[in-house]
């Protein structure tokens, strides 16, 4: 009789032990929804081999005519592809830029397998109603993701489902990087060249594709033609602005051992606009010329002479290398 209270307490403890044990086992079964399942999905998110500290994101100019590559600094992370897509979907970071996606579109998941990134977006993306708007949105997505060498193509899901098309834009198969970036004219005879002009605000450099005649004796002659096209400014009606001062003449362009020497007339220094205009002037030349394989740097001369510094302090005594950032934005 003296053991009765102990037995009375033992049975409830055994009962709740069986119940809690059963719940724990159920939570460990494959396919069971809940925290265990969510954790396993998160583990499948794609991670780069090593952390990166910046990403290139393709927004639009304010008039939505051109893609603008923008460099954003981020905390070191191997999950940079996801960060890049989330930044793109979050909207433009500056008034001079526009977002290609409707508000409130979110990224549900991102996986990369055999060079193809598969993204799952929320249903708000269905607010895109025109084929041109869909083209801009998904090309911006592809341009952003293919900046990572691990990504060669992009597949898009919406709420876990494949869509054959959206607003007439094909989504059924893998999307690949456009062959021409911001073409200013239909493909025509000649050789394509990527030339960097400034946007209408004069704040960002915009890479555009132009076709130039290539019936020239050597590569230096073609590079000289590219520089002259840059100095001449963008085509009329393009909505872009020249990053090089009007009246500038190209005196000489030569390539030797990976360095392109560009000799400009003194008018090139009359750009005005402070350090922003000076940076646009220098970077337009350097980014345009280093698009060509084998070009490692650009040596600037003015009236045949080297200068130590430009008016706003940029050092130009030595060849200028391609900067690691294009259109950096600080958030």
Protein backbone atom coordinates (compact mmCIF):
# COMPACT_ATOMS: atom_id res chain seq x y z
CA UNK A 1 0.00 0.00 0.00
CA UNK A 2 2.94 2.31 0.72
CA UNK A 3 4.03 2.17 -3.00
CA UNK A 4 0.69 3.28 -4.41
CA UNK A 5 1.47 7.04 -4.74
CA UNK A 6 4.68 6.27 -6.61
CA UNK A 7 2.84 4.00 -9.07
CA UNK A 8 0.17 6.65 -9.49
CA UNK A 9 2.85 9.15 -10.55
CA UNK A 10 4.69 6.68 -12.81
CA UNK A 11 1.83 6.00 -15.25
CA UNK A 12 1.36 9.66 -16.39
CA UNK A 13 5.11 10.00 -16.86
CA UNK A 14 5.23 6.89 -19.04
CA UNK A 15 2.20 8.07 -21.05
CA UNK A 16 3.66 11.48 -21.86
CA UNK A 17 7.03 9.92 -22.58
CA UNK A 18 5.44 7.76 -25.33
CA UNK A 19 3.56 10.77 -26.75
CA UNK A 20 6.60 13.03 -26.93
CA UNK A 21 8.75 10.24 -28.33
CA UNK A 22 6.22 9.62 -31.09
CA UNK A 23 6.11 13.30 -32.00
CA UNK A 24 9.91 13.44 -32.15
CA UNK A 25 10.06 10.42 -34.46
CA UNK A 26 7.33 11.86 -36.69
CA UNK A 27 9.27 15.09 -37.03
CA UNK A 28 12.32 13.17 -38.24
CA UNK A 29 10.52 11.34 -41.04
CA UNK A 30 11.39 12.46 -44.60
CA UNK A 31 8.74 14.66 -46.16
CA UNK A 32 7.21 15.79 -42.89
CA UNK A 33 6.48 19.52 -42.99
CA UNK A 34 7.90 21.67 -40.24
CA UNK A 35 11.24 22.95 -39.09
CA UNK A 36 13.23 19.88 -40.10
CA UNK A 37 11.94 20.11 -43.66
CA UNK A 38 12.57 23.87 -43.85
CA UNK A 39 16.13 23.43 -42.64
CA UNK A 40 16.83 20.79 -45.29
CA UNK A 41 15.50 23.10 -48.01
CA UNK A 42 17.73 25.92 -46.80
CA UNK A 43 20.73 23.61 -46.92
CA UNK A 44 20.05 23.03 -50.61
CA UNK A 45 20.48 26.75 -51.41
CA UNK A 46 23.45 27.26 -53.72
CA UNK A 47 26.71 28.50 -52.19
CA UNK A 48 29.77 29.73 -54.07
CA UNK A 49 33.10 27.93 -53.54
CA UNK A 50 34.43 30.98 -51.64
CA UNK A 51 32.93 34.20 -50.18
CA UNK A 52 32.63 37.38 -52.26
CA UNK A 53 32.23 40.96 -51.06
CA UNK A 54 30.53 42.64 -54.02
CA UNK A 55 27.93 41.82 -56.67
CA UNK A 56 27.07 43.26 -60.09
CA UNK A 57 23.37 43.90 -60.54
CA UNK A 58 21.64 45.02 -63.73
CA UNK A 59 19.02 47.70 -63.17
CA UNK A 60 17.46 49.95 -65.83
CA UNK A 61 18.01 53.57 -66.73
CA UNK A 62 15.21 55.81 -65.52
CA UNK A 63 13.59 55.78 -68.98
CA UNK A 64 13.84 51.93 -69.00
CA UNK A 65 15.71 51.91 -72.32
CA UNK A 66 19.03 50.45 -71.17
CA UNK A 67 20.47 47.98 -68.70
CA UNK A 68 22.83 49.54 -66.15
CA UNK A 69 25.42 47.32 -64.44
CA UNK A 70 25.80 48.52 -60.86
CA UNK A 71 28.31 47.27 -58.28
CA UNK A 72 27.06 46.83 -54.71
CA UNK A 73 29.28 46.01 -51.74
CA UNK A 74 27.97 43.26 -49.49
CA UNK A 75 29.21 41.42 -46.44
CA UNK A 76 31.48 38.48 -47.32
CA UNK A 77 29.22 35.56 -48.19
CA UNK A 78 29.13 32.39 -50.27
CA UNK A 79 25.44 33.05 -50.86
CA UNK A 80 26.12 36.04 -53.12
CA UNK A 81 23.90 34.81 -56.02
CA UNK A 82 20.86 34.88 -53.75
CA UNK A 83 21.86 38.28 -52.36
CA UNK A 84 22.23 39.67 -55.89
CA UNK A 85 18.77 38.47 -56.95
CA UNK A 86 17.17 39.78 -53.76
CA UNK A 87 18.80 43.18 -54.28
CA UNK A 88 17.50 43.26 -57.87
CA UNK A 89 13.97 42.39 -56.76
CA UNK A 90 14.06 44.91 -53.90
CA UNK A 91 14.03 47.85 -56.32
CA UNK A 92 16.42 50.48 -57.61
CA UNK A 93 18.86 51.91 -55.04
CA UNK A 94 18.96 55.39 -56.64
CA UNK A 95 16.50 57.81 -58.20
CA UNK A 96 18.48 57.74 -61.46
CA UNK A 97 17.81 53.99 -61.83
CA UNK A 98 14.65 51.94 -62.35
CA UNK A 99 13.70 48.43 -61.29
CA UNK A 100 12.71 45.93 -64.00
CA UNK A 101 10.38 44.01 -61.64
CA UNK A 102 7.02 44.91 -60.08
CA UNK A 103 7.04 45.67 -56.34
CA UNK A 104 6.79 42.83 -53.83
CA UNK A 105 8.25 40.06 -56.04
CA UNK A 106 10.23 37.77 -53.74
CA UNK A 107 12.74 34.95 -54.26
CA UNK A 108 11.58 31.66 -52.76
CA UNK A 109 14.60 29.55 -53.66
CA UNK A 110 17.71 29.50 -55.81
CA UNK A 111 19.61 26.37 -56.83
CA UNK A 112 22.44 25.85 -59.29
CA UNK A 113 23.11 22.52 -60.96
CA UNK A 114 25.39 21.85 -63.93
CA UNK A 115 25.67 25.55 -64.74
CA UNK A 116 21.91 26.23 -64.69
CA UNK A 117 20.38 28.38 -61.95
CA UNK A 118 16.75 27.57 -61.08
CA UNK A 119 14.86 30.38 -59.38
CA UNK A 120 11.44 30.19 -57.79
CA UNK A 121 9.67 33.57 -57.65
CA UNK A 122 6.44 34.56 -55.93
CA UNK A 123 3.24 35.14 -57.88
CA UNK A 124 3.59 38.95 -57.85
CA UNK A 125 5.77 38.55 -60.95
CA UNK A 126 2.54 37.84 -62.86
CA UNK A 127 1.80 41.59 -62.65
CA UNK A 128 4.10 41.99 -65.68
CA UNK A 129 1.65 42.59 -68.52
CA UNK A 130 3.72 43.30 -71.65
CA UNK A 131 6.26 41.23 -73.55
CA UNK A 132 8.80 44.06 -73.52
CA UNK A 133 8.51 44.48 -69.75
CA UNK A 134 8.95 40.72 -69.33
CA UNK A 135 12.02 40.76 -71.59
CA UNK A 136 13.61 43.55 -69.55
CA UNK A 137 12.87 41.84 -66.24
CA UNK A 138 14.17 38.39 -67.13
CA UNK A 139 17.17 39.63 -69.12
CA UNK A 140 18.15 41.72 -66.08
CA UNK A 141 17.86 38.57 -63.99
CA UNK A 142 19.99 36.56 -66.44
CA UNK A 143 22.60 39.32 -66.78
CA UNK A 144 22.88 39.56 -63.00
CA UNK A 145 23.23 35.83 -62.38
CA UNK A 146 25.59 35.10 -65.27
CA UNK A 147 28.06 37.56 -63.76
CA UNK A 148 28.91 34.54 -61.60
CA UNK A 149 31.12 32.21 -63.63
CA UNK A 150 29.31 29.20 -62.17
CA UNK A 151 26.03 30.22 -63.88
CA UNK A 152 25.58 29.80 -67.64
CA UNK A 153 21.77 29.69 -67.89
CA UNK A 154 18.69 30.50 -65.82
CA UNK A 155 15.40 28.65 -65.35
CA UNK A 156 12.41 30.41 -63.79
CA UNK A 157 9.62 28.95 -61.67
CA UNK A 158 6.65 30.82 -60.21
CA UNK A 159 5.37 29.43 -56.91
CA UNK A 160 7.08 26.15 -57.77
CA UNK A 161 5.51 25.83 -61.23
CA UNK A 162 7.07 26.13 -64.67
CA UNK A 163 5.50 28.69 -67.00
CA UNK A 164 5.83 28.31 -70.78
CA UNK A 165 5.61 32.08 -71.16
CA UNK A 166 4.72 35.32 -69.40
CA UNK A 167 3.04 38.14 -71.31
CA UNK A 168 4.27 36.52 -74.53
CA UNK A 169 7.89 36.20 -73.40
CA UNK A 170 9.17 32.61 -73.57
CA UNK A 171 10.13 31.06 -70.24
CA UNK A 172 9.82 27.37 -71.05
CA UNK A 173 13.52 26.64 -71.53
CA UNK A 174 16.79 27.87 -70.05
CA UNK A 175 17.45 31.59 -70.54
CA UNK A 176 20.99 32.52 -71.58
CA UNK A 177 22.92 35.78 -71.56
CA UNK A 178 22.02 38.07 -74.50
CA UNK A 179 24.61 38.04 -77.25
CA UNK A 180 24.51 41.85 -77.50
CA UNK A 181 24.17 44.21 -74.55
CA UNK A 182 22.07 47.34 -75.14
CA UNK A 183 22.33 47.26 -78.97
CA UNK A 184 21.76 50.73 -80.43
CA UNK A 185 20.93 49.37 -83.88
CA UNK A 186 19.91 46.05 -85.43
CA UNK A 187 22.73 43.63 -86.19
CA UNK A 188 24.47 44.75 -89.36
CA UNK A 189 27.68 44.28 -91.29
CA UNK A 190 30.84 45.00 -89.38
CA UNK A 191 32.27 44.08 -86.04
CA UNK A 192 30.39 44.63 -82.76
CA UNK A 193 32.07 46.86 -80.21
CA UNK A 194 30.98 47.61 -76.65
CA UNK A 195 31.27 51.34 -76.01
CA UNK A 196 30.57 53.06 -72.69
CA UNK A 197 28.54 56.27 -72.82
CA UNK A 198 26.98 58.13 -69.89
CA UNK A 199 23.30 58.09 -68.94
CA UNK A 200 21.15 61.21 -69.22
CA UNK A 201 22.04 62.12 -65.63
CA UNK A 202 25.77 61.80 -66.28
CA UNK A 203 26.02 59.51 -63.24
CA UNK A 204 26.38 56.01 -64.69
CA UNK A 205 28.25 54.50 -67.61
CA UNK A 206 26.07 52.47 -69.96
CA UNK A 207 27.67 49.74 -72.12
CA UNK A 208 26.08 49.75 -75.57
CA UNK A 209 26.77 47.68 -78.67
CA UNK A 210 27.56 49.36 -81.98
CA UNK A 211 28.68 47.78 -85.25
CA UNK A 212 31.79 49.33 -86.77
CA UNK A 213 33.40 48.59 -90.15
CA UNK A 214 36.40 46.35 -89.64
CA UNK A 215 38.07 46.60 -93.05
CA UNK A 216 41.22 47.95 -91.45
CA UNK A 217 44.90 46.96 -91.74
CA UNK A 218 45.46 45.97 -88.08
CA UNK A 219 43.92 45.88 -84.62
CA UNK A 220 45.36 49.23 -83.57
CA UNK A 221 43.51 50.82 -86.46
CA UNK A 222 40.25 49.22 -85.31
CA UNK A 223 40.86 50.33 -81.71
CA UNK A 224 41.43 53.86 -83.02
CA UNK A 225 38.06 53.68 -84.75
CA UNK A 226 36.44 52.56 -81.50
CA UNK A 227 37.99 55.48 -79.60
CA UNK A 228 36.84 57.92 -82.27
CA UNK A 229 33.31 56.53 -82.01
CA UNK A 230 33.40 57.00 -78.24
CA UNK A 231 34.72 60.56 -78.57
CA UNK A 232 32.06 61.40 -81.17
CA UNK A 233 29.37 60.71 -78.60
CA UNK A 234 26.25 58.54 -78.68
CA UNK A 235 23.89 58.50 -81.66
CA UNK A 236 21.23 61.20 -81.78
CA UNK A 237 18.01 60.23 -80.04
CA UNK A 238 19.68 57.61 -77.86
CA UNK A 239 19.01 59.50 -74.63
CA UNK A 240 22.66 59.02 -73.65
CA UNK A 241 25.34 61.68 -73.12
CA UNK A 242 29.02 61.84 -74.14
CA UNK A 243 31.50 61.26 -71.29
CA UNK A 244 34.26 63.03 -73.26
CA UNK A 245 34.32 66.80 -73.77
CA UNK A 246 33.06 68.16 -77.11
CA UNK A 247 35.77 69.20 -79.53
CA UNK A 248 38.19 66.49 -78.39
CA UNK A 249 40.33 65.09 -81.20
CA UNK A 250 41.94 61.65 -81.28
CA UNK A 251 45.58 62.18 -82.23
CA UNK A 252 46.91 58.64 -81.95
CA UNK A 253 45.90 55.16 -80.77
CA UNK A 254 48.45 52.34 -80.62
CA UNK A 255 48.56 48.95 -78.92
CA UNK A 256 51.76 47.34 -77.69
CA UNK A 257 52.25 44.51 -75.20
CA UNK A 258 48.71 44.72 -73.87
CA UNK A 259 48.77 48.50 -73.34
CA UNK A 260 46.76 50.84 -75.57
CA UNK A 261 48.18 54.36 -75.78
CA UNK A 262 45.52 56.99 -76.45
CA UNK A 263 46.72 60.48 -77.35
CA UNK A 264 43.98 63.12 -77.13
CA UNK A 265 43.91 66.83 -77.83
CA UNK A 266 43.86 69.26 -74.90
CA UNK A 267 40.11 69.78 -75.29
CA UNK A 268 39.66 66.40 -73.58
CA UNK A 269 40.52 68.06 -70.26
CA UNK A 270 37.65 70.55 -70.49
CA UNK A 271 35.01 68.12 -69.24
CA UNK A 272 33.93 70.16 -66.21
CA UNK A 273 31.58 68.67 -63.64
CA UNK A 274 34.19 67.91 -61.00
CA UNK A 275 35.36 64.45 -59.96
CA UNK A 276 32.20 62.72 -61.28
CA UNK A 277 32.85 63.95 -64.83
CA UNK A 278 36.55 63.12 -64.55
CA UNK A 279 35.81 59.57 -63.41
CA UNK A 280 33.31 59.12 -66.27
CA UNK A 281 35.89 60.38 -68.79
CA UNK A 282 38.62 58.02 -67.58
CA UNK A 283 36.41 54.97 -67.04
CA UNK A 284 34.64 55.33 -70.39
CA UNK A 285 37.99 54.97 -72.17
CA UNK A 286 39.34 52.22 -69.91
CA UNK A 287 36.20 50.07 -69.84
CA UNK A 288 35.66 50.46 -73.61
CA UNK A 289 39.19 49.42 -74.56
CA UNK A 290 39.60 46.63 -72.01
CA UNK A 291 36.53 44.94 -73.49
CA UNK A 292 38.94 43.69 -76.15
CA UNK A 293 40.82 40.49 -75.26
CA UNK A 294 44.47 41.09 -74.49
CA UNK A 295 44.09 44.75 -73.57
CA UNK A 296 45.31 45.09 -69.99
CA UNK A 297 45.61 48.85 -69.59
CA UNK A 298 45.29 52.29 -71.17
CA UNK A 299 48.00 54.97 -71.17
CA UNK A 300 46.60 58.47 -71.63
CA UNK A 301 48.55 61.22 -73.38
CA UNK A 302 47.47 64.79 -74.07
CA UNK A 303 48.98 66.54 -77.07
CA UNK A 304 51.66 63.84 -77.06
CA UNK A 305 52.66 64.41 -73.44
CA UNK A 306 52.15 62.44 -70.24
CA UNK A 307 50.54 64.11 -67.26
CA UNK A 308 50.98 63.12 -63.64
CA UNK A 309 47.41 63.96 -62.65
CA UNK A 310 44.15 65.11 -64.19
CA UNK A 311 42.54 68.34 -62.90
CA UNK A 312 40.51 66.51 -60.20
CA UNK A 313 43.44 64.41 -59.00
CA UNK A 314 43.22 61.15 -60.98
CA UNK A 315 46.73 59.75 -61.48
CA UNK A 316 47.42 59.08 -65.17
CA UNK A 317 51.22 58.86 -65.32
CA UNK A 318 51.01 55.06 -65.61
CA UNK A 319 48.68 52.80 -67.61
CA UNK A 320 45.19 52.62 -66.11
CA UNK A 321 43.84 49.14 -65.41
CA UNK A 322 40.20 48.11 -65.58
CA UNK A 323 38.62 48.99 -62.21
CA UNK A 324 37.06 46.15 -60.20
CA UNK A 325 33.82 48.13 -59.89
CA UNK A 326 31.56 49.72 -62.50
CA UNK A 327 28.98 52.26 -61.30
CA UNK A 328 29.55 51.57 -57.59
CA UNK A 329 26.59 52.39 -55.35
CA UNK A 330 26.87 52.78 -51.59
CA UNK A 331 23.71 51.78 -49.72
